[in-house]
């Protein structure tokens, strides 16, 4: 696969728009995303079939995603969320220690955990964080592994329909930001293009249990061309160049 990233200056204008919103106090975490033209020899079906991802989805002729991030899981009367914020390539010397000690990543992760706690509190009781900011190693075929930090948040689901429960906490906090409503407005103005199904959620329900994922690691087909969607969380501690590199680093095929 070959990627043709958005020019840095173009990305910089978007980053600065978000940064100004942060300085005004309109948002304190915004997940800015970009749409990158890519050239691929594999079909969307091939990518889906060989992704090996825990969460994958194919819409033939439209898009494919191979997501590493669960949205929510509902089982045994409990609802669980596992927000993923903060990554680093595993081949960096001392990568795990660097990631766990990175002030920007710590602040971003704290913010998303607080946001998800608030979201779940609307539909669940006794909301708690059994595991906070633990590090996982994620394999990427053909590329070096990455370390990612996640947390586990859970609560006892209130008597509410599945659809009402899921829709009341959309969009996912990890791909929008905080405060959610105003941040979504800022992202719409800044990105300048509808996300469509990208950063939505997908899952399955077997009549008792429900599991779902956030639609990231996303390739879409549009007019015979292919585009890879990627992004990252912007906070007051973010640097434009590092965020630009992060968005580009997330562009890969899963085999």
C-alpha atoms as a PDB file:
ATOM      1  CA  UNK A   1       0.000   0.000   0.000  1.00  0.00           C
ATOM      2  CA  UNK A   2       1.124   3.516  -0.795  1.00  0.00           C
ATOM      3  CA  UNK A   3      -0.262   6.537   1.064  1.00  0.00           C
ATOM      4  CA  UNK A   4      -0.419  10.148  -0.083  1.00  0.00           C
ATOM      5  CA  UNK A   5      -0.782  12.141   3.153  1.00  0.00           C
ATOM      6  CA  UNK A   6      -2.364  15.548   3.370  1.00  0.00           C
ATOM      7  CA  UNK A   7       0.343  18.255   3.191  1.00  0.00           C
ATOM      8  CA  UNK A   8       1.579  19.281   6.618  1.00  0.00           C
ATOM      9  CA  UNK A   9       0.531  22.926   6.152  1.00  0.00           C
ATOM     10  CA  UNK A  10      -3.037  21.848   5.408  1.00  0.00           C
ATOM     11  CA  UNK A  11      -3.112  19.681   8.532  1.00  0.00           C
ATOM     12  CA  UNK A  12      -1.504  22.479  10.541  1.00  0.00           C
ATOM     13  CA  UNK A  13      -4.418  24.832   9.764  1.00  0.00           C
ATOM     14  CA  UNK A  14      -6.864  22.271  11.151  1.00  0.00           C
ATOM     15  CA  UNK A  15      -4.708  21.618  14.187  1.00  0.00           C
ATOM     16  CA  UNK A  16      -4.475  25.353  14.923  1.00  0.00           C
ATOM     17  CA  UNK A  17      -8.253  25.682  14.707  1.00  0.00           C
ATOM     18  CA  UNK A  18      -8.663  22.965  17.328  1.00  0.00           C
ATOM     19  CA  UNK A  19      -5.858  24.456  19.441  1.00  0.00           C
ATOM     20  CA  UNK A  20      -7.638  27.840  19.480  1.00  0.00           C
ATOM     21  CA  UNK A  21     -10.843  26.136  20.607  1.00  0.00           C
ATOM     22  CA  UNK A  22      -8.905  24.530  23.450  1.00  0.00           C
ATOM     23  CA  UNK A  23      -7.455  27.895  24.480  1.00  0.00           C
ATOM     24  CA  UNK A  24     -10.968  29.381  24.508  1.00  0.00           C
ATOM     25  CA  UNK A  25     -12.129  26.576  26.764  1.00  0.00           C
ATOM     26  CA  UNK A  26     -14.605  25.221  24.193  1.00  0.00           C
ATOM     27  CA  UNK A  27     -13.001  21.772  24.356  1.00  0.00           C
ATOM     28  CA  UNK A  28     -10.157  20.112  26.210  1.00  0.00           C
ATOM     29  CA  UNK A  29      -9.882  16.943  24.117  1.00  0.00           C
ATOM     30  CA  UNK A  30     -10.752  16.700  20.418  1.00  0.00           C
ATOM     31  CA  UNK A  31     -10.055  13.715  18.176  1.00  0.00           C
ATOM     32  CA  UNK A  32      -9.028  15.299  14.871  1.00  0.00           C
ATOM     33  CA  UNK A  33      -9.138  12.920  11.892  1.00  0.00           C
ATOM     34  CA  UNK A  34      -7.897  13.049   8.292  1.00  0.00           C
ATOM     35  CA  UNK A  35      -8.755  11.286   5.024  1.00  0.00           C
ATOM     36  CA  UNK A  36      -5.672  10.022   3.198  1.00  0.00           C
ATOM     37  CA  UNK A  37      -5.708   8.771  -0.424  1.00  0.00           C
ATOM     38  CA  UNK A  38      -4.088   5.333  -0.661  1.00  0.00           C
ATOM     39  CA  UNK A  39      -3.177   2.926  -3.429  1.00  0.00           C
ATOM     40  CA  UNK A  40      -3.831  -0.733  -2.572  1.00  0.00           C
ATOM     41  CA  UNK A  41      -3.540  -3.938  -4.578  1.00  0.00           C
ATOM     42  CA  UNK A  42      -5.776  -5.958  -2.246  1.00  0.00           C
ATOM     43  CA  UNK A  43      -9.564  -5.755  -2.408  1.00  0.00           C
ATOM     44  CA  UNK A  44     -11.712  -4.697   0.522  1.00  0.00           C
ATOM     45  CA  UNK A  45     -12.801  -8.339   0.786  1.00  0.00           C
ATOM     46  CA  UNK A  46      -9.173  -9.509   0.973  1.00  0.00           C
ATOM     47  CA  UNK A  47      -8.426  -7.009   3.724  1.00  0.00           C
ATOM     48  CA  UNK A  48     -11.431  -8.216   5.707  1.00  0.00           C
ATOM     49  CA  UNK A  49     -10.717 -11.921   5.210  1.00  0.00           C
ATOM     50  CA  UNK A  50      -7.057 -11.734   6.155  1.00  0.00           C
ATOM     51  CA  UNK A  51      -7.115  -9.001   8.789  1.00  0.00           C
ATOM     52  CA  UNK A  52      -7.039 -11.346  11.783  1.00  0.00           C
ATOM     53  CA  UNK A  53      -8.573  -8.521  13.789  1.00  0.00           C
ATOM     54  CA  UNK A  54     -10.756  -9.205  16.820  1.00  0.00           C
ATOM     55  CA  UNK A  55     -13.227  -6.694  15.407  1.00  0.00           C
ATOM     56  CA  UNK A  56     -13.651  -6.408  11.642  1.00  0.00           C
ATOM     57  CA  UNK A  57     -16.450  -5.284   9.350  1.00  0.00           C
ATOM     58  CA  UNK A  58     -16.954  -5.244   5.592  1.00  0.00           C
ATOM     59  CA  UNK A  59     -19.475  -3.303   3.534  1.00  0.00           C
ATOM     60  CA  UNK A  60     -18.728  -4.586  -0.016  1.00  0.00           C
ATOM     61  CA  UNK A  61     -17.880  -1.803  -2.434  1.00  0.00           C
ATOM     62  CA  UNK A  62     -18.010   0.757   0.375  1.00  0.00           C
ATOM     63  CA  UNK A  63     -15.600   0.219   3.275  1.00  0.00           C
ATOM     64  CA  UNK A  64     -13.713  -2.176   5.512  1.00  0.00           C
ATOM     65  CA  UNK A  65     -12.391  -1.713   9.027  1.00  0.00           C
ATOM     66  CA  UNK A  66     -10.213  -3.837  11.298  1.00  0.00           C
ATOM     67  CA  UNK A  67     -10.597  -2.227  14.668  1.00  0.00           C
ATOM     68  CA  UNK A  68      -8.508  -2.885  17.783  1.00  0.00           C
ATOM     69  CA  UNK A  69     -10.896  -0.963  20.071  1.00  0.00           C
ATOM     70  CA  UNK A  70     -14.008  -2.337  21.757  1.00  0.00           C
ATOM     71  CA  UNK A  71     -16.864   0.147  22.290  1.00  0.00           C
ATOM     72  CA  UNK A  72     -19.048  -1.527  24.935  1.00  0.00           C
ATOM     73  CA  UNK A  73     -19.785  -5.087  25.989  1.00  0.00           C
ATOM     74  CA  UNK A  74     -23.002  -6.031  27.812  1.00  0.00           C
ATOM     75  CA  UNK A  75     -23.176  -9.359  29.630  1.00  0.00           C
ATOM     76  CA  UNK A  76     -24.750 -10.626  32.828  1.00  0.00           C
ATOM     77  CA  UNK A  77     -26.513  -7.345  33.510  1.00  0.00           C
ATOM     78  CA  UNK A  78     -23.222  -5.426  33.387  1.00  0.00           C
ATOM     79  CA  UNK A  79     -21.915  -2.954  30.814  1.00  0.00           C
ATOM     80  CA  UNK A  80     -18.179  -2.629  30.151  1.00  0.00           C
ATOM     81  CA  UNK A  81     -16.138  -0.092  28.201  1.00  0.00           C
ATOM     82  CA  UNK A  82     -12.444  -0.250  27.357  1.00  0.00           C
ATOM     83  CA  UNK A  83     -11.328   3.150  25.981  1.00  0.00           C
ATOM     84  CA  UNK A  84      -7.955   3.057  24.230  1.00  0.00           C
ATOM     85  CA  UNK A  85      -5.910   6.249  24.328  1.00  0.00           C
ATOM     86  CA  UNK A  86      -2.153   6.501  23.930  1.00  0.00           C
ATOM     87  CA  UNK A  87       0.081   4.481  21.598  1.00  0.00           C
ATOM     88  CA  UNK A  88       3.769   4.094  20.787  1.00  0.00           C
ATOM     89  CA  UNK A  89       5.680   1.822  18.423  1.00  0.00           C
ATOM     90  CA  UNK A  90       7.043  -1.106  20.373  1.00  0.00           C
ATOM     91  CA  UNK A  91      10.499  -1.002  18.759  1.00  0.00           C
ATOM     92  CA  UNK A  92      11.280   2.363  20.355  1.00  0.00           C
ATOM     93  CA  UNK A  93      13.873   1.730  23.124  1.00  0.00           C
ATOM     94  CA  UNK A  94      12.046   1.740  26.449  1.00  0.00           C
ATOM     95  CA  UNK A  95       8.735   2.198  24.620  1.00  0.00           C
ATOM     96  CA  UNK A  96       6.410   0.966  27.361  1.00  0.00           C
ATOM     97  CA  UNK A  97       8.084   3.092  30.035  1.00  0.00           C
ATOM     98  CA  UNK A  98       8.037   6.155  27.756  1.00  0.00           C
ATOM     99  CA  UNK A  99       4.334   5.706  27.003  1.00  0.00           C
ATOM    100  CA  UNK A 100       3.333   5.183  30.622  1.00  0.00           C
ATOM    101  CA  UNK A 101       5.267   8.289  31.687  1.00  0.00           C
ATOM    102  CA  UNK A 102       4.186  10.610  28.853  1.00  0.00           C
ATOM    103  CA  UNK A 103       2.394  13.589  30.439  1.00  0.00           C
ATOM    104  CA  UNK A 104       0.359  14.385  27.333  1.00  0.00           C
ATOM    105  CA  UNK A 105      -0.820  10.780  27.018  1.00  0.00           C
ATOM    106  CA  UNK A 106      -1.619  10.592  30.751  1.00  0.00           C
ATOM    107  CA  UNK A 107      -3.779  13.724  30.583  1.00  0.00           C
ATOM    108  CA  UNK A 108      -5.553  12.507  27.451  1.00  0.00           C
ATOM    109  CA  UNK A 109      -6.248   9.113  28.982  1.00  0.00           C
ATOM    110  CA  UNK A 110      -7.510  10.634  32.243  1.00  0.00           C
ATOM    111  CA  UNK A 111      -9.908  12.812  30.267  1.00  0.00           C
ATOM    112  CA  UNK A 112     -11.358   9.955  28.249  1.00  0.00           C
ATOM    113  CA  UNK A 113     -11.797   7.736  31.311  1.00  0.00           C
ATOM    114  CA  UNK A 114     -13.683  10.528  33.067  1.00  0.00           C
ATOM    115  CA  UNK A 115     -15.850  11.063  29.978  1.00  0.00           C
ATOM    116  CA  UNK A 116     -16.715   7.361  29.662  1.00  0.00           C
ATOM    117  CA  UNK A 117     -17.505   7.162  33.383  1.00  0.00           C
ATOM    118  CA  UNK A 118     -19.979   9.991  32.916  1.00  0.00           C
ATOM    119  CA  UNK A 119     -21.468   8.333  29.811  1.00  0.00           C
ATOM    120  CA  UNK A 120     -21.993   4.999  31.546  1.00  0.00           C
ATOM    121  CA  UNK A 121     -23.455   6.722  34.610  1.00  0.00           C
ATOM    122  CA  UNK A 122     -26.425   7.762  32.449  1.00  0.00           C
ATOM    123  CA  UNK A 123     -27.404   4.140  31.866  1.00  0.00           C
ATOM    124  CA  UNK A 124     -25.739   2.200  34.695  1.00  0.00           C
ATOM    125  CA  UNK A 125     -25.293   2.288  38.464  1.00  0.00           C
ATOM    126  CA  UNK A 126     -22.232   1.576  40.600  1.00  0.00           C
ATOM    127  CA  UNK A 127     -19.920   2.726  37.780  1.00  0.00           C
ATOM    128  CA  UNK A 128     -16.287   2.017  38.610  1.00  0.00           C
ATOM    129  CA  UNK A 129     -12.825   1.583  37.063  1.00  0.00           C
ATOM    130  CA  UNK A 130     -11.480  -1.903  37.936  1.00  0.00           C
ATOM    131  CA  UNK A 131      -8.373  -1.408  35.775  1.00  0.00           C
ATOM    132  CA  UNK A 132      -6.873   1.982  35.036  1.00  0.00           C
ATOM    133  CA  UNK A 133      -4.379   2.732  32.262  1.00  0.00           C
ATOM    134  CA  UNK A 134      -2.896  -0.678  31.622  1.00  0.00           C
ATOM    135  CA  UNK A 135      -0.579  -1.312  28.673  1.00  0.00           C
ATOM    136  CA  UNK A 136      -1.297  -3.808  25.898  1.00  0.00           C
ATOM    137  CA  UNK A 137       0.906  -4.974  23.045  1.00  0.00           C
ATOM    138  CA  UNK A 138      -0.941  -4.949  19.707  1.00  0.00           C
ATOM    139  CA  UNK A 139       0.465  -6.876  16.771  1.00  0.00           C
ATOM    140  CA  UNK A 140       0.452  -5.352  13.279  1.00  0.00           C
ATOM    141  CA  UNK A 141       1.278  -7.712  10.430  1.00  0.00           C
ATOM    142  CA  UNK A 142       4.086  -6.341   8.299  1.00  0.00           C
ATOM    143  CA  UNK A 143       4.801  -3.538  10.763  1.00  0.00           C
ATOM    144  CA  UNK A 144       6.283  -3.327  14.218  1.00  0.00           C
ATOM    145  CA  UNK A 145       3.930  -3.943  17.136  1.00  0.00           C
ATOM    146  CA  UNK A 146       2.580  -1.022  19.135  1.00  0.00           C
ATOM    147  CA  UNK A 147       1.902  -0.526  22.814  1.00  0.00           C
ATOM    148  CA  UNK A 148      -1.479   1.004  23.658  1.00  0.00           C
ATOM    149  CA  UNK A 149      -2.953   2.092  26.978  1.00  0.00           C
ATOM    150  CA  UNK A 150      -6.518   1.165  27.905  1.00  0.00           C
ATOM    151  CA  UNK A 151      -8.753   1.222  30.973  1.00  0.00           C
ATOM    152  CA  UNK A 152     -11.692  -0.939  32.011  1.00  0.00           C
ATOM    153  CA  UNK A 153     -14.852   0.873  33.144  1.00  0.00           C
ATOM    154  CA  UNK A 154     -18.001  -0.973  34.144  1.00  0.00           C
ATOM    155  CA  UNK A 155     -21.365  -0.658  35.878  1.00  0.00           C
ATOM    156  CA  UNK A 156     -24.649  -2.431  36.490  1.00  0.00           C
ATOM    157  CA  UNK A 157     -26.923  -1.708  33.536  1.00  0.00           C
ATOM    158  CA  UNK A 158     -30.205  -0.035  34.454  1.00  0.00           C
ATOM    159  CA  UNK A 159     -33.532  -1.468  33.164  1.00  0.00           C
ATOM    160  CA  UNK A 160     -33.290   0.022  29.681  1.00  0.00           C
ATOM    161  CA  UNK A 161     -33.603  -1.273  26.122  1.00  0.00           C
ATOM    162  CA  UNK A 162     -30.432  -2.186  24.280  1.00  0.00           C
ATOM    163  CA  UNK A 163     -30.980   0.417  21.568  1.00  0.00           C
ATOM    164  CA  UNK A 164     -31.685   3.166  24.104  1.00  0.00           C
ATOM    165  CA  UNK A 165     -28.577   2.219  26.073  1.00  0.00           C
ATOM    166  CA  UNK A 166     -26.249   2.252  23.066  1.00  0.00           C
ATOM    167  CA  UNK A 167     -27.622   5.352  21.350  1.00  0.00           C
ATOM    168  CA  UNK A 168     -27.569   7.384  24.565  1.00  0.00           C
ATOM    169  CA  UNK A 169     -23.761   7.118  24.784  1.00  0.00           C
ATOM    170  CA  UNK A 170     -22.959   7.782  21.114  1.00  0.00           C
ATOM    171  CA  UNK A 171     -20.708   8.980  19.626  1.00  0.00           C
ATOM    172  CA  UNK A 172     -17.879   7.080  21.255  1.00  0.00           C
ATOM    173  CA  UNK A 173     -15.900   9.378  23.510  1.00  0.00           C
ATOM    174  CA  UNK A 174     -12.516   8.159  22.296  1.00  0.00           C
ATOM    175  CA  UNK A 175     -13.131   9.406  18.742  1.00  0.00           C
ATOM    176  CA  UNK A 176     -14.987  12.607  19.611  1.00  0.00           C
ATOM    177  CA  UNK A 177     -13.773  14.369  22.754  1.00  0.00           C
ATOM    178  CA  UNK A 178     -14.867  16.330  25.770  1.00  0.00           C
ATOM    179  CA  UNK A 179     -17.199  18.007  26.371  1.00  0.00           C
ATOM    180  CA  UNK A 180     -18.748  15.804  23.741  1.00  0.00           C
ATOM    181  CA  UNK A 181     -21.487  17.973  22.196  1.00  0.00           C
ATOM    182  CA  UNK A 182     -19.379  21.097  21.661  1.00  0.00           C
ATOM    183  CA  UNK A 183     -16.352  19.089  20.565  1.00  0.00           C
ATOM    184  CA  UNK A 184     -18.362  17.301  17.868  1.00  0.00           C
ATOM    185  CA  UNK A 185     -19.445  20.711  16.545  1.00  0.00           C
ATOM    186  CA  UNK A 186     -15.816  21.887  16.442  1.00  0.00           C
ATOM    187  CA  UNK A 187     -14.702  18.731  14.639  1.00  0.00           C
ATOM    188  CA  UNK A 188     -17.444  19.074  12.026  1.00  0.00           C
ATOM    189  CA  UNK A 189     -16.345  22.645  11.327  1.00  0.00           C
ATOM    190  CA  UNK A 190     -12.640  21.739  11.257  1.00  0.00           C
ATOM    191  CA  UNK A 191     -12.584  18.482   9.310  1.00  0.00           C
ATOM    192  CA  UNK A 192     -14.847  19.875   6.605  1.00  0.00           C
ATOM    193  CA  UNK A 193     -16.090  16.482   5.460  1.00  0.00           C
ATOM    194  CA  UNK A 194     -18.689  14.083   6.909  1.00  0.00           C
ATOM    195  CA  UNK A 195     -17.152  11.015   8.520  1.00  0.00           C
ATOM    196  CA  UNK A 196     -19.926   8.743   7.309  1.00  0.00           C
ATOM    197  CA  UNK A 197     -19.629   5.330   8.936  1.00  0.00           C
ATOM    198  CA  UNK A 198     -16.056   6.054  10.040  1.00  0.00           C
ATOM    199  CA  UNK A 199     -15.798   6.291  13.857  1.00  0.00           C
ATOM    200  CA  UNK A 200     -19.280   4.847  14.204  1.00  0.00           C
ATOM    201  CA  UNK A 201     -19.806   1.588  16.064  1.00  0.00           C
ATOM    202  CA  UNK A 202     -20.683  -1.947  14.991  1.00  0.00           C
ATOM    203  CA  UNK A 203     -21.348  -5.167  16.853  1.00  0.00           C
ATOM    204  CA  UNK A 204     -23.582  -8.165  17.423  1.00  0.00           C
ATOM    205  CA  UNK A 205     -26.348  -9.211  19.828  1.00  0.00           C
ATOM    206  CA  UNK A 206     -27.147 -12.886  20.479  1.00  0.00           C
ATOM    207  CA  UNK A 207     -30.349 -12.255  22.414  1.00  0.00           C
ATOM    208  CA  UNK A 208     -28.577 -11.972  25.759  1.00  0.00           C
ATOM    209  CA  UNK A 209     -25.126 -10.505  25.289  1.00  0.00           C
ATOM    210  CA  UNK A 210     -23.937  -7.597  23.177  1.00  0.00           C
ATOM    211  CA  UNK A 211     -20.424  -6.784  21.979  1.00  0.00           C
ATOM    212  CA  UNK A 212     -19.313  -3.888  19.819  1.00  0.00           C
ATOM    213  CA  UNK A 213     -16.325  -1.982  18.486  1.00  0.00           C
ATOM    214  CA  UNK A 214     -15.412   1.490  17.281  1.00  0.00           C
ATOM    215  CA  UNK A 215     -15.058   1.687  13.494  1.00  0.00           C
ATOM    216  CA  UNK A 216     -11.431   2.773  13.211  1.00  0.00           C
ATOM    217  CA  UNK A 217      -8.535   1.432  11.088  1.00  0.00           C
ATOM    218  CA  UNK A 218     -10.913   2.243   8.267  1.00  0.00           C
ATOM    219  CA  UNK A 219     -10.508   2.113   4.479  1.00  0.00           C
ATOM    220  CA  UNK A 220     -13.288   3.435   2.270  1.00  0.00           C
ATOM    221  CA  UNK A 221     -13.892   3.154  -1.453  1.00  0.00           C
ATOM    222  CA  UNK A 222     -15.221   6.270  -3.168  1.00  0.00           C
ATOM    223  CA  UNK A 223     -15.531   6.723  -6.928  1.00  0.00           C
ATOM    224  CA  UNK A 224     -13.072   3.931  -7.665  1.00  0.00           C
ATOM    225  CA  UNK A 225     -10.473   5.408  -5.306  1.00  0.00           C
ATOM    226  CA  UNK A 226      -9.467   4.359  -1.801  1.00  0.00           C
ATOM    227  CA  UNK A 227      -9.015   6.459   1.320  1.00  0.00           C
ATOM    228  CA  UNK A 228      -7.676   5.602   4.749  1.00  0.00           C
ATOM    229  CA  UNK A 229      -9.194   7.410   7.735  1.00  0.00           C
ATOM    230  CA  UNK A 230      -7.030   8.056  10.787  1.00  0.00           C
ATOM    231  CA  UNK A 231      -6.507  10.605  13.540  1.00  0.00           C
ATOM    232  CA  UNK A 232      -5.618  11.291  17.141  1.00  0.00           C
ATOM    233  CA  UNK A 233      -6.616  13.185  20.249  1.00  0.00           C
ATOM    234  CA  UNK A 234      -5.599  16.840  20.523  1.00  0.00           C
ATOM    235  CA  UNK A 235      -5.095  18.402  23.960  1.00  0.00           C
ATOM    236  CA  UNK A 236      -3.410  21.526  25.296  1.00  0.00           C
ATOM    237  CA  UNK A 237      -0.170  19.515  25.512  1.00  0.00           C
ATOM    238  CA  UNK A 238      -0.234  18.313  21.888  1.00  0.00           C
ATOM    239  CA  UNK A 239       2.337  19.274  19.273  1.00  0.00           C
ATOM    240  CA  UNK A 240       1.250  19.659  15.653  1.00  0.00           C
ATOM    241  CA  UNK A 241       4.159  17.724  14.111  1.00  0.00           C
ATOM    242  CA  UNK A 242       3.816  14.754  16.469  1.00  0.00           C
ATOM    243  CA  UNK A 243       0.042  14.576  15.906  1.00  0.00           C
ATOM    244  CA  UNK A 244       0.572  14.718  12.131  1.00  0.00           C
ATOM    245  CA  UNK A 245       3.058  11.836  12.373  1.00  0.00           C
ATOM    246  CA  UNK A 246       0.687   9.845  14.573  1.00  0.00           C
ATOM    247  CA  UNK A 247      -2.151  10.123  12.058  1.00  0.00           C
ATOM    248  CA  UNK A 248       0.195   8.968   9.294  1.00  0.00           C
ATOM    249  CA  UNK A 249       1.621   6.118  11.387  1.00  0.00           C
ATOM    250  CA  UNK A 250      -1.851   4.620  11.795  1.00  0.00           C
ATOM    251  CA  UNK A 251      -2.125   4.022   8.054  1.00  0.00           C
ATOM    252  CA  UNK A 252      -1.349   0.343   7.450  1.00  0.00           C
ATOM    253  CA  UNK A 253      -2.798  -2.896   6.140  1.00  0.00           C
ATOM    254  CA  UNK A 254      -3.334  -5.695   8.692  1.00  0.00           C
ATOM    255  CA  UNK A 255      -1.324  -8.333   6.778  1.00  0.00           C
END
